[in-house]
Amino acid sequence: MQFVGLHSQIRKNNFKSVVLLILFPAVIFVLVWLFMFFVGGQQPEQRFYSTNTNFVHLIPWISIGILVWFTIAFLFHTSMIKKATGSVSLERTQNKRVYNLVENLCIGSGMKMPKINLIEDDSLNAFASGINDSTYTVSLSRGIINKLNDEELEGVIAHELTHIRNRDVRLLIVSIIFVGIFAFITEMLMRSIRFSGGGGSSSGKKGGGSIILVALLLAAVGYLLSSLFRFALSKKREYLADAGSAEMTRNPLALASALEKISSDSRIEAVKQKDVAQLFIDNPQEKPKSMNLNSLAVIFSTHPPIEKRIDILRQL
């Protein structure tokens, strides 16, 4: 695999974060314009001008809505992720072993100590999250702490610290926040259709139903596009984090051994959301063993096959 320097990777991820911050609102603006165009009642030749006129007046309100959503997600993303993963804060007095491993790695690499969370689950998995020094967090399952030896656990922690150092977690959090907009809109529209299905068939209700269907279709397109943006975030981030772990610990075989154990049982029961699942060292919603390396499941997965990652580590 081609070597990518630390500062080069940080620059690339910062650039991708800016691109995502531009692309997602742009998709929202385009979809709102299309919605207004399709539901407009004027003749086709008049509809274009009318849509543009009305859309200009809506731009400030759409911008405020996007800003409010992003601000709420920015301020509360930590608590949202903790709730979605069932993680809780792990204090030093509860597990000095984990704290010593994290501290030693941070001192050796010149990093600030992140927060440490615990997921009460016997499966083996871990993830990093956060967007700045005050929110960076490494979360470990009870199973991964208890079932890995010190060298293996150190390799896993170093992998997650590399995600923080490379700004991978910031990039993924931005992606999750904006994908959530379209998921929320689509869900609300689906509920509107479900609960407005009964009672009468007046032209007013038919017209309202058509508007909701158009909105649902466009929201689904937005969700699809935002998901494609998410898949476009290179899977190389996992390979680079593996390489960063090997560099940090000088023991690639330890992480290879850890990944082998993780692959046998990585299903965290509390994780139900696909977007949050992509944060983990091994996606708890994907089944690597059931995926052919050339299958569509691999192409649209959030992580490269864990077997391939193990093979690369054993060659370092």
C-alpha atoms as a PDB file:
ATOM      1  CA  MET A   1       0.000   0.000   0.000  1.00  0.00           C
ATOM      2  CA  GLN A   2       1.263   3.438  -0.878  1.00  0.00           C
ATOM      3  CA  PHE A   3       2.663   5.356   2.085  1.00  0.00           C
ATOM      4  CA  VAL A   4       0.759   8.463   3.122  1.00  0.00           C
ATOM      5  CA  GLY A   5       2.375  10.807   5.627  1.00  0.00           C
ATOM      6  CA  LEU A   6       0.567  11.927   8.776  1.00  0.00           C
ATOM      7  CA  HIS A   7       0.349  15.603   7.845  1.00  0.00           C
ATOM      8  CA  SER A   8      -0.707  14.716   4.298  1.00  0.00           C
ATOM      9  CA  GLN A   9      -3.524  12.533   5.637  1.00  0.00           C
ATOM     10  CA  ILE A  10      -4.663  15.245   8.064  1.00  0.00           C
ATOM     11  CA  ARG A  11      -4.757  17.797   5.218  1.00  0.00           C
ATOM     12  CA  LYS A  12      -6.744  15.391   3.039  1.00  0.00           C
ATOM     13  CA  ASN A  13      -9.293  14.706   5.776  1.00  0.00           C
ATOM     14  CA  ASN A  14      -9.637  18.397   6.627  1.00  0.00           C
ATOM     15  CA  PHE A  15     -10.208  19.116   2.916  1.00  0.00           C
ATOM     16  CA  LYS A  16     -12.809  16.325   2.686  1.00  0.00           C
ATOM     17  CA  SER A  17     -14.574  17.735   5.757  1.00  0.00           C
ATOM     18  CA  VAL A  18     -14.845  21.138   4.074  1.00  0.00           C
ATOM     19  CA  VAL A  19     -16.108  19.520   0.858  1.00  0.00           C
ATOM     20  CA  LEU A  20     -18.775  17.620   2.809  1.00  0.00           C
ATOM     21  CA  LEU A  21     -19.792  20.799   4.618  1.00  0.00           C
ATOM     22  CA  ILE A  22     -20.407  22.333   1.179  1.00  0.00           C
ATOM     23  CA  LEU A  23     -21.906  19.321  -0.610  1.00  0.00           C
ATOM     24  CA  PHE A  24     -24.573  18.382   1.915  1.00  0.00           C
ATOM     25  CA  PRO A  25     -26.210  21.851   2.158  1.00  0.00           C
ATOM     26  CA  ALA A  26     -25.939  22.133  -1.649  1.00  0.00           C
ATOM     27  CA  VAL A  27     -27.920  18.897  -2.028  1.00  0.00           C
ATOM     28  CA  ILE A  28     -30.570  20.248   0.360  1.00  0.00           C
ATOM     29  CA  PHE A  29     -30.889  23.499  -1.621  1.00  0.00           C
ATOM     30  CA  VAL A  30     -31.214  21.614  -4.923  1.00  0.00           C
ATOM     31  CA  LEU A  31     -33.852  19.240  -3.538  1.00  0.00           C
ATOM     32  CA  VAL A  32     -35.903  22.114  -2.083  1.00  0.00           C
ATOM     33  CA  TRP A  33     -35.798  23.875  -5.473  1.00  0.00           C
ATOM     34  CA  LEU A  34     -36.926  20.672  -7.240  1.00  0.00           C
ATOM     35  CA  PHE A  35     -39.748  20.209  -4.728  1.00  0.00           C
ATOM     36  CA  MET A  36     -41.024  23.742  -5.331  1.00  0.00           C
ATOM     37  CA  PHE A  37     -40.753  23.244  -9.091  1.00  0.00           C
ATOM     38  CA  PHE A  38     -42.656  19.947  -9.181  1.00  0.00           C
ATOM     39  CA  VAL A  39     -45.502  21.061  -6.900  1.00  0.00           C
ATOM     40  CA  GLY A  40     -45.899  24.467  -8.550  1.00  0.00           C
ATOM     41  CA  GLY A  41     -49.322  25.019 -10.066  1.00  0.00           C
ATOM     42  CA  GLN A  42     -48.348  27.373 -12.882  1.00  0.00           C
ATOM     43  CA  GLN A  43     -47.883  26.526 -16.516  1.00  0.00           C
ATOM     44  CA  PRO A  44     -44.441  25.003 -17.308  1.00  0.00           C
ATOM     45  CA  GLU A  45     -43.173  28.206 -18.924  1.00  0.00           C
ATOM     46  CA  GLN A  46     -44.158  30.247 -15.846  1.00  0.00           C
ATOM     47  CA  ARG A  47     -43.153  27.671 -13.254  1.00  0.00           C
ATOM     48  CA  PHE A  48     -39.391  28.118 -13.701  1.00  0.00           C
ATOM     49  CA  TYR A  49     -39.515  31.867 -13.062  1.00  0.00           C
ATOM     50  CA  SER A  50     -41.956  31.474 -10.157  1.00  0.00           C
ATOM     51  CA  THR A  51     -39.836  28.755  -8.552  1.00  0.00           C
ATOM     52  CA  ASN A  52     -36.683  30.863  -8.735  1.00  0.00           C
ATOM     53  CA  THR A  53     -38.458  33.883  -7.258  1.00  0.00           C
ATOM     54  CA  ASN A  54     -39.939  31.955  -4.336  1.00  0.00           C
ATOM     55  CA  PHE A  55     -36.745  29.973  -3.764  1.00  0.00           C
ATOM     56  CA  VAL A  56     -34.652  33.130  -3.337  1.00  0.00           C
ATOM     57  CA  HIS A  57     -36.939  34.176  -0.461  1.00  0.00           C
ATOM     58  CA  LEU A  58     -36.535  30.757   1.170  1.00  0.00           C
ATOM     59  CA  ILE A  59     -32.730  30.614   1.021  1.00  0.00           C
ATOM     60  CA  PRO A  60     -32.195  32.427   4.364  1.00  0.00           C
ATOM     61  CA  TRP A  61     -34.709  30.161   6.145  1.00  0.00           C
ATOM     62  CA  ILE A  62     -33.210  26.989   4.676  1.00  0.00           C
ATOM     63  CA  SER A  63     -29.752  28.198   5.704  1.00  0.00           C
ATOM     64  CA  ILE A  64     -30.950  28.880   9.249  1.00  0.00           C
ATOM     65  CA  GLY A  65     -32.532  25.421   9.429  1.00  0.00           C
ATOM     66  CA  ILE A  66     -29.300  23.729   8.307  1.00  0.00           C
ATOM     67  CA  LEU A  67     -27.248  25.822  10.732  1.00  0.00           C
ATOM     68  CA  VAL A  68     -29.579  25.028  13.654  1.00  0.00           C
ATOM     69  CA  TRP A  69     -29.447  21.285  12.852  1.00  0.00           C
ATOM     70  CA  PHE A  70     -25.662  21.304  12.608  1.00  0.00           C
ATOM     71  CA  THR A  71     -25.292  23.380  15.800  1.00  0.00           C
ATOM     72  CA  ILE A  72     -27.492  20.989  17.788  1.00  0.00           C
ATOM     73  CA  ALA A  73     -25.616  17.978  16.388  1.00  0.00           C
ATOM     74  CA  PHE A  74     -22.256  19.676  17.068  1.00  0.00           C
ATOM     75  CA  LEU A  75     -23.144  20.397  20.688  1.00  0.00           C
ATOM     76  CA  PHE A  76     -24.839  17.101  21.479  1.00  0.00           C
ATOM     77  CA  HIS A  77     -23.157  14.570  19.180  1.00  0.00           C
ATOM     78  CA  THR A  78     -21.206  13.077  22.099  1.00  0.00           C
ATOM     79  CA  SER A  79     -24.337  12.304  24.116  1.00  0.00           C
ATOM     80  CA  MET A  80     -26.117  11.067  20.967  1.00  0.00           C
ATOM     81  CA  ILE A  81     -23.306   8.609  20.191  1.00  0.00           C
ATOM     82  CA  LYS A  82     -23.136   7.448  23.814  1.00  0.00           C
ATOM     83  CA  LYS A  83     -26.869   6.767  23.747  1.00  0.00           C
ATOM     84  CA  ALA A  84     -26.688   5.011  20.359  1.00  0.00           C
ATOM     85  CA  THR A  85     -23.851   2.739  21.497  1.00  0.00           C
ATOM     86  CA  GLY A  86     -24.772   2.286  25.149  1.00  0.00           C
ATOM     87  CA  SER A  87     -21.374   3.572  26.270  1.00  0.00           C
ATOM     88  CA  VAL A  88     -20.618   5.155  29.649  1.00  0.00           C
ATOM     89  CA  SER A  89     -17.592   6.960  31.048  1.00  0.00           C
ATOM     90  CA  LEU A  90     -14.806   4.730  32.350  1.00  0.00           C
ATOM     91  CA  GLU A  91     -12.927   6.190  35.301  1.00  0.00           C
ATOM     92  CA  ARG A  92      -9.280   5.522  36.102  1.00  0.00           C
ATOM     93  CA  THR A  93     -10.217   3.859  39.398  1.00  0.00           C
ATOM     94  CA  GLN A  94     -12.395   1.380  37.499  1.00  0.00           C
ATOM     95  CA  ASN A  95      -9.659   0.146  35.165  1.00  0.00           C
ATOM     96  CA  LYS A  96      -6.085   1.362  35.657  1.00  0.00           C
ATOM     97  CA  ARG A  97      -4.848  -1.121  33.014  1.00  0.00           C
ATOM     98  CA  VAL A  98      -6.749   0.600  30.203  1.00  0.00           C
ATOM     99  CA  TYR A  99      -5.763   4.077  31.383  1.00  0.00           C
ATOM    100  CA  ASN A 100      -2.082   3.120  31.559  1.00  0.00           C
ATOM    101  CA  LEU A 101      -2.150   1.722  28.012  1.00  0.00           C
ATOM    102  CA  VAL A 102      -3.856   4.841  26.625  1.00  0.00           C
ATOM    103  CA  GLU A 103      -1.576   7.220  28.529  1.00  0.00           C
ATOM    104  CA  ASN A 104       1.618   5.488  27.435  1.00  0.00           C
ATOM    105  CA  LEU A 105       0.563   5.580  23.783  1.00  0.00           C
ATOM    106  CA  CYS A 106      -0.460   9.250  23.999  1.00  0.00           C
ATOM    107  CA  ILE A 107       2.812  10.240  25.655  1.00  0.00           C
ATOM    108  CA  GLY A 108       4.812   8.309  23.062  1.00  0.00           C
ATOM    109  CA  SER A 109       3.002   9.956  20.150  1.00  0.00           C
ATOM    110  CA  GLY A 110       2.664  13.444  21.658  1.00  0.00           C
ATOM    111  CA  MET A 111      -1.132  13.337  21.784  1.00  0.00           C
ATOM    112  CA  LYS A 112      -3.512  14.751  24.330  1.00  0.00           C
ATOM    113  CA  MET A 113      -5.248  12.091  26.423  1.00  0.00           C
ATOM    114  CA  PRO A 114      -8.779  11.438  25.080  1.00  0.00           C
ATOM    115  CA  LYS A 115     -11.743  10.474  27.223  1.00  0.00           C
ATOM    116  CA  ILE A 116     -12.344   6.754  27.704  1.00  0.00           C
ATOM    117  CA  ASN A 117     -15.786   5.134  27.552  1.00  0.00           C
ATOM    118  CA  LEU A 118     -16.950   1.607  28.280  1.00  0.00           C
ATOM    119  CA  ILE A 119     -19.601  -0.366  26.363  1.00  0.00           C
ATOM    120  CA  GLU A 120     -21.165  -3.013  28.599  1.00  0.00           C
ATOM    121  CA  ASP A 121     -21.138  -5.820  26.048  1.00  0.00           C
ATOM    122  CA  ASP A 122     -19.179  -9.082  25.976  1.00  0.00           C
ATOM    123  CA  SER A 123     -18.545  -8.770  22.227  1.00  0.00           C
ATOM    124  CA  LEU A 124     -15.211  -7.405  21.036  1.00  0.00           C
ATOM    125  CA  ASN A 125     -15.226  -3.958  19.450  1.00  0.00           C
ATOM    126  CA  ALA A 126     -14.024  -0.384  19.863  1.00  0.00           C
ATOM    127  CA  PHE A 127     -14.359   3.023  18.239  1.00  0.00           C
ATOM    128  CA  ALA A 128     -13.118   6.593  18.419  1.00  0.00           C
ATOM    129  CA  SER A 129     -15.330   9.676  18.204  1.00  0.00           C
ATOM    130  CA  GLY A 130     -15.264  13.451  18.646  1.00  0.00           C
ATOM    131  CA  ILE A 131     -14.438  16.560  16.653  1.00  0.00           C
ATOM    132  CA  ASN A 132     -11.967  18.408  18.885  1.00  0.00           C
ATOM    133  CA  ASP A 133      -9.658  17.879  21.870  1.00  0.00           C
ATOM    134  CA  SER A 134     -12.478  18.359  24.374  1.00  0.00           C
ATOM    135  CA  THR A 135     -14.686  15.681  22.782  1.00  0.00           C
ATOM    136  CA  TYR A 136     -12.216  13.086  21.444  1.00  0.00           C
ATOM    137  CA  THR A 137     -13.113   9.740  23.004  1.00  0.00           C
ATOM    138  CA  VAL A 138     -11.979   6.129  22.741  1.00  0.00           C
ATOM    139  CA  SER A 139     -14.750   3.648  23.561  1.00  0.00           C
ATOM    140  CA  LEU A 140     -14.012   0.001  24.352  1.00  0.00           C
ATOM    141  CA  SER A 141     -16.390  -2.895  24.936  1.00  0.00           C
ATOM    142  CA  ARG A 142     -16.177  -4.940  28.111  1.00  0.00           C
ATOM    143  CA  GLY A 143     -15.434  -7.972  25.957  1.00  0.00           C
ATOM    144  CA  ILE A 144     -12.453  -6.437  24.181  1.00  0.00           C
ATOM    145  CA  ILE A 145     -10.938  -5.346  27.495  1.00  0.00           C
ATOM    146  CA  ASN A 146     -11.355  -8.754  29.112  1.00  0.00           C
ATOM    147  CA  LYS A 147     -10.517 -11.017  26.153  1.00  0.00           C
ATOM    148  CA  LEU A 148      -7.439  -9.314  24.684  1.00  0.00           C
ATOM    149  CA  ASN A 149      -4.000  -9.390  26.268  1.00  0.00           C
ATOM    150  CA  ASP A 150      -2.083  -6.161  26.874  1.00  0.00           C
ATOM    151  CA  GLU A 151      -0.278  -6.161  23.513  1.00  0.00           C
ATOM    152  CA  GLU A 152      -3.472  -6.831  21.540  1.00  0.00           C
ATOM    153  CA  LEU A 153      -5.467  -4.218  23.432  1.00  0.00           C
ATOM    154  CA  GLU A 154      -2.640  -1.724  22.976  1.00  0.00           C
ATOM    155  CA  GLY A 155      -2.800  -2.349  19.213  1.00  0.00           C
ATOM    156  CA  VAL A 156      -6.558  -1.671  19.171  1.00  0.00           C
ATOM    157  CA  ILE A 157      -6.214   1.509  21.229  1.00  0.00           C
ATOM    158  CA  ALA A 158      -3.377   2.710  18.963  1.00  0.00           C
ATOM    159  CA  HIS A 159      -5.654   2.107  15.945  1.00  0.00           C
ATOM    160  CA  GLU A 160      -8.340   4.335  17.478  1.00  0.00           C
ATOM    161  CA  LEU A 161      -5.820   6.997  18.503  1.00  0.00           C
ATOM    162  CA  THR A 162      -4.604   7.069  14.893  1.00  0.00           C
ATOM    163  CA  HIS A 163      -8.175   7.780  13.755  1.00  0.00           C
ATOM    164  CA  ILE A 164      -8.190  10.749  16.139  1.00  0.00           C
ATOM    165  CA  ARG A 165      -4.737  11.926  15.064  1.00  0.00           C
ATOM    166  CA  ASN A 166      -5.627  11.656  11.356  1.00  0.00           C
ATOM    167  CA  ARG A 167      -8.929  13.552  11.894  1.00  0.00           C
ATOM    168  CA  ASP A 168     -10.851  10.534  10.551  1.00  0.00           C
ATOM    169  CA  VAL A 169     -13.373  10.818  13.366  1.00  0.00           C
ATOM    170  CA  ARG A 170     -14.132  14.464  12.618  1.00  0.00           C
ATOM    171  CA  LEU A 171     -14.771  13.601   8.982  1.00  0.00           C
ATOM    172  CA  LEU A 172     -17.111  10.739   9.896  1.00  0.00           C
ATOM    173  CA  ILE A 173     -19.026  12.807  12.459  1.00  0.00           C
ATOM    174  CA  VAL A 174     -19.673  15.513   9.831  1.00  0.00           C
ATOM    175  CA  SER A 175     -20.927  12.789   7.484  1.00  0.00           C
ATOM    176  CA  ILE A 176     -23.193  11.263  10.154  1.00  0.00           C
ATOM    177  CA  ILE A 177     -24.694  14.660  11.031  1.00  0.00           C
ATOM    178  CA  PHE A 178     -25.753  15.460   7.480  1.00  0.00           C
ATOM    179  CA  VAL A 179     -26.903  11.957   6.537  1.00  0.00           C
ATOM    180  CA  GLY A 180     -29.102  12.224   9.634  1.00  0.00           C
ATOM    181  CA  ILE A 181     -30.932  15.212   8.130  1.00  0.00           C
ATOM    182  CA  PHE A 182     -32.206  13.184   5.183  1.00  0.00           C
ATOM    183  CA  ALA A 183     -32.927  10.131   7.339  1.00  0.00           C
ATOM    184  CA  PHE A 184     -35.022  12.322   9.676  1.00  0.00           C
ATOM    185  CA  ILE A 185     -36.942  13.993   6.820  1.00  0.00           C
ATOM    186  CA  THR A 186     -37.620  10.646   5.122  1.00  0.00           C
ATOM    187  CA  GLU A 187     -38.876   9.108   8.369  1.00  0.00           C
ATOM    188  CA  MET A 188     -41.185  12.056   9.078  1.00  0.00           C
ATOM    189  CA  LEU A 189     -42.659  11.915   5.565  1.00  0.00           C
ATOM    190  CA  MET A 190     -43.192   8.150   5.835  1.00  0.00           C
ATOM    191  CA  ARG A 191     -45.104   8.707   9.070  1.00  0.00           C
ATOM    192  CA  SER A 192     -47.176  11.442   7.425  1.00  0.00           C
ATOM    193  CA  ILE A 193     -48.189   9.065   4.643  1.00  0.00           C
ATOM    194  CA  ARG A 194     -48.911   6.258   7.114  1.00  0.00           C
ATOM    195  CA  PHE A 195     -51.120   8.346   9.386  1.00  0.00           C
ATOM    196  CA  SER A 196     -52.955  10.232   6.625  1.00  0.00           C
ATOM    197  CA  GLY A 197     -54.022   7.159   4.701  1.00  0.00           C
ATOM    198  CA  GLY A 198     -57.549   6.855   6.023  1.00  0.00           C
ATOM    199  CA  GLY A 199     -60.697   8.929   5.797  1.00  0.00           C
ATOM    200  CA  GLY A 200     -62.083  10.274   2.551  1.00  0.00           C
ATOM    201  CA  SER A 201     -60.778  10.837  -0.922  1.00  0.00           C
ATOM    202  CA  SER A 202     -61.343  14.520  -1.600  1.00  0.00           C
ATOM    203  CA  SER A 203     -59.291  16.347  -4.201  1.00  0.00           C
ATOM    204  CA  GLY A 204     -57.651  18.319  -1.389  1.00  0.00           C
ATOM    205  CA  LYS A 205     -56.422  15.165   0.284  1.00  0.00           C
ATOM    206  CA  LYS A 206     -55.294  13.754  -3.042  1.00  0.00           C
ATOM    207  CA  GLY A 207     -53.331  16.913  -3.734  1.00  0.00           C
ATOM    208  CA  GLY A 208     -51.767  16.804  -0.287  1.00  0.00           C
ATOM    209  CA  GLY A 209     -50.872  13.166  -0.766  1.00  0.00           C
ATOM    210  CA  SER A 210     -49.164  13.947  -4.081  1.00  0.00           C
ATOM    211  CA  ILE A 211     -47.112  16.681  -2.453  1.00  0.00           C
ATOM    212  CA  ILE A 212     -45.999  14.310   0.333  1.00  0.00           C
ATOM    213  CA  LEU A 213     -45.068  11.638  -2.211  1.00  0.00           C
ATOM    214  CA  VAL A 214     -42.957  14.123  -4.186  1.00  0.00           C
ATOM    215  CA  ALA A 215     -41.274  15.247  -0.955  1.00  0.00           C
ATOM    216  CA  LEU A 216     -40.669  11.628   0.067  1.00  0.00           C
ATOM    217  CA  LEU A 217     -39.127  10.784  -3.301  1.00  0.00           C
ATOM    218  CA  LEU A 218     -36.784  13.785  -3.159  1.00  0.00           C
ATOM    219  CA  ALA A 219     -35.865  13.059   0.478  1.00  0.00           C
ATOM    220  CA  ALA A 220     -35.047   9.480  -0.515  1.00  0.00           C
ATOM    221  CA  VAL A 221     -32.837  10.806  -3.325  1.00  0.00           C
ATOM    222  CA  GLY A 222     -31.111  13.075  -0.805  1.00  0.00           C
ATOM    223  CA  TYR A 223     -30.559  10.171   1.569  1.00  0.00           C
ATOM    224  CA  LEU A 224     -29.127   8.072  -1.272  1.00  0.00           C
ATOM    225  CA  LEU A 225     -26.771  10.837  -2.389  1.00  0.00           C
ATOM    226  CA  SER A 226     -25.608  11.568   1.149  1.00  0.00           C
ATOM    227  CA  SER A 227     -25.019   7.849   1.695  1.00  0.00           C
ATOM    228  CA  LEU A 228     -22.933   7.728  -1.493  1.00  0.00           C
ATOM    229  CA  PHE A 229     -20.897  10.652  -0.156  1.00  0.00           C
ATOM    230  CA  ARG A 230     -20.364   8.592   2.984  1.00  0.00           C
ATOM    231  CA  PHE A 231     -19.233   5.555   0.987  1.00  0.00           C
ATOM    232  CA  ALA A 232     -16.910   7.852  -0.950  1.00  0.00           C
ATOM    233  CA  LEU A 233     -14.951   8.375   2.272  1.00  0.00           C
ATOM    234  CA  SER A 234     -12.074   6.089   1.399  1.00  0.00           C
ATOM    235  CA  LYS A 235     -11.801   2.710   3.107  1.00  0.00           C
ATOM    236  CA  LYS A 236      -8.099   3.490   3.192  1.00  0.00           C
ATOM    237  CA  ARG A 237      -8.755   5.174   6.532  1.00  0.00           C
ATOM    238  CA  GLU A 238      -8.906   1.715   8.155  1.00  0.00           C
ATOM    239  CA  TYR A 239      -5.719   0.540   6.466  1.00  0.00           C
ATOM    240  CA  LEU A 240      -3.995   3.786   7.483  1.00  0.00           C
ATOM    241  CA  ALA A 241      -5.197   3.423  11.067  1.00  0.00           C
ATOM    242  CA  ASP A 242      -3.891  -0.155  11.106  1.00  0.00           C
ATOM    243  CA  ALA A 243      -0.544   1.093   9.790  1.00  0.00           C
ATOM    244  CA  GLY A 244      -0.566   3.897  12.369  1.00  0.00           C
ATOM    245  CA  SER A 245      -1.140   1.354  15.117  1.00  0.00           C
ATOM    246  CA  ALA A 246       1.764  -0.752  13.875  1.00  0.00           C
ATOM    247  CA  GLU A 247       3.990   2.340  13.839  1.00  0.00           C
ATOM    248  CA  MET A 248       2.849   3.477  17.284  1.00  0.00           C
ATOM    249  CA  THR A 249       3.276   0.083  18.979  1.00  0.00           C
ATOM    250  CA  ARG A 250       6.005  -1.342  16.706  1.00  0.00           C
ATOM    251  CA  ASN A 251       4.050  -4.592  16.884  1.00  0.00           C
ATOM    252  CA  PRO A 252       1.775  -5.170  13.846  1.00  0.00           C
ATOM    253  CA  LEU A 253       1.266  -8.824  14.759  1.00  0.00           C
ATOM    254  CA  ALA A 254      -0.455  -7.802  18.000  1.00  0.00           C
ATOM    255  CA  LEU A 255      -3.156  -5.866  16.112  1.00  0.00           C
ATOM    256  CA  ALA A 256      -3.457  -8.712  13.589  1.00  0.00           C
ATOM    257  CA  SER A 257      -4.099 -11.100  16.464  1.00  0.00           C
ATOM    258  CA  ALA A 258      -6.612  -8.679  17.995  1.00  0.00           C
ATOM    259  CA  LEU A 259      -8.494  -8.296  14.699  1.00  0.00           C
ATOM    260  CA  GLU A 260      -8.658 -12.061  14.359  1.00  0.00           C
ATOM    261  CA  LYS A 261     -10.347 -12.328  17.760  1.00  0.00           C
ATOM    262  CA  ILE A 262     -12.602  -9.330  17.001  1.00  0.00           C
ATOM    263  CA  SER A 263     -13.780 -10.910  13.725  1.00  0.00           C
ATOM    264  CA  SER A 264     -15.194 -13.886  15.632  1.00  0.00           C
ATOM    265  CA  ASP A 265     -17.573 -11.720  17.713  1.00  0.00           C
ATOM    266  CA  SER A 266     -17.884  -8.001  16.972  1.00  0.00           C
ATOM    267  CA  ARG A 267     -21.673  -7.660  17.256  1.00  0.00           C
ATOM    268  CA  ILE A 268     -22.462  -4.936  19.799  1.00  0.00           C
ATOM    269  CA  GLU A 269     -26.161  -5.466  20.521  1.00  0.00           C
ATOM    270  CA  ALA A 270     -26.848  -1.831  21.452  1.00  0.00           C
ATOM    271  CA  VAL A 271     -25.780  -0.508  18.026  1.00  0.00           C
ATOM    272  CA  LYS A 272     -28.844  -0.202  15.785  1.00  0.00           C
ATOM    273  CA  GLN A 273     -27.915   2.790  13.606  1.00  0.00           C
ATOM    274  CA  LYS A 274     -25.902   2.182  10.436  1.00  0.00           C
ATOM    275  CA  ASP A 275     -24.235   5.583  10.554  1.00  0.00           C
ATOM    276  CA  VAL A 276     -22.867   5.087  14.063  1.00  0.00           C
ATOM    277  CA  ALA A 277     -21.795   1.506  13.267  1.00  0.00           C
ATOM    278  CA  GLN A 278     -19.223   2.778  10.760  1.00  0.00           C
ATOM    279  CA  LEU A 279     -17.211   4.309  13.615  1.00  0.00           C
ATOM    280  CA  PHE A 280     -16.188   0.899  15.012  1.00  0.00           C
ATOM    281  CA  ILE A 281     -12.922  -0.915  14.300  1.00  0.00           C
ATOM    282  CA  ASP A 282     -15.104  -3.657  12.783  1.00  0.00           C
ATOM    283  CA  ASN A 283     -18.631  -2.715  11.714  1.00  0.00           C
ATOM    284  CA  PRO A 284     -20.948  -4.566  14.150  1.00  0.00           C
ATOM    285  CA  GLN A 285     -23.744  -4.656  11.548  1.00  0.00           C
ATOM    286  CA  GLU A 286     -21.740  -6.267   8.766  1.00  0.00           C
ATOM    287  CA  LYS A 287     -20.877  -9.960   8.456  1.00  0.00           C
ATOM    288  CA  PRO A 288     -17.390 -10.151   6.955  1.00  0.00           C
ATOM    289  CA  LYS A 289     -17.345 -13.943   6.913  1.00  0.00           C
ATOM    290  CA  SER A 290     -20.440 -14.078   4.704  1.00  0.00           C
ATOM    291  CA  MET A 291     -19.060 -11.607   2.161  1.00  0.00           C
ATOM    292  CA  ASN A 292     -17.106 -12.680  -0.882  1.00  0.00           C
ATOM    293  CA  LEU A 293     -14.157 -10.333  -1.373  1.00  0.00           C
ATOM    294  CA  ASN A 294     -15.498  -9.350  -4.818  1.00  0.00           C
ATOM    295  CA  SER A 295     -19.157  -9.085  -3.827  1.00  0.00           C
ATOM    296  CA  LEU A 296     -21.341  -5.965  -3.864  1.00  0.00           C
ATOM    297  CA  ALA A 297     -21.570  -6.265  -0.085  1.00  0.00           C
ATOM    298  CA  VAL A 298     -17.857  -5.476   0.141  1.00  0.00           C
ATOM    299  CA  ILE A 299     -18.129  -2.603  -2.361  1.00  0.00           C
ATOM    300  CA  PHE A 300     -20.889  -0.914  -0.337  1.00  0.00           C
ATOM    301  CA  SER A 301     -19.493  -1.812   3.082  1.00  0.00           C
ATOM    302  CA  THR A 302     -18.015   0.830   5.387  1.00  0.00           C
ATOM    303  CA  HIS A 303     -14.908  -1.255   6.173  1.00  0.00           C
ATOM    304  CA  PRO A 304     -12.512  -3.324   4.077  1.00  0.00           C
ATOM    305  CA  PRO A 305     -12.621  -7.107   4.725  1.00  0.00           C
ATOM    306  CA  ILE A 306     -11.002  -7.776   8.081  1.00  0.00           C
ATOM    307  CA  GLU A 307      -9.182 -10.810   6.662  1.00  0.00           C
ATOM    308  CA  LYS A 308      -7.403  -8.561   4.163  1.00  0.00           C
ATOM    309  CA  ARG A 309      -6.411  -6.152   6.939  1.00  0.00           C
ATOM    310  CA  ILE A 310      -4.965  -9.042   8.945  1.00  0.00           C
ATOM    311  CA  ASP A 311      -2.962 -10.292   5.943  1.00  0.00           C
ATOM    312  CA  ILE A 312      -1.463  -6.835   5.369  1.00  0.00           C
ATOM    313  CA  LEU A 313      -0.473  -6.472   9.021  1.00  0.00           C
ATOM    314  CA  ARG A 314       1.265  -9.842   8.971  1.00  0.00           C
ATOM    315  CA  GLN A 315       3.352  -8.668   6.023  1.00  0.00           C
ATOM    316  CA  LEU A 316       4.623  -5.518   7.759  1.00  0.00           C
END
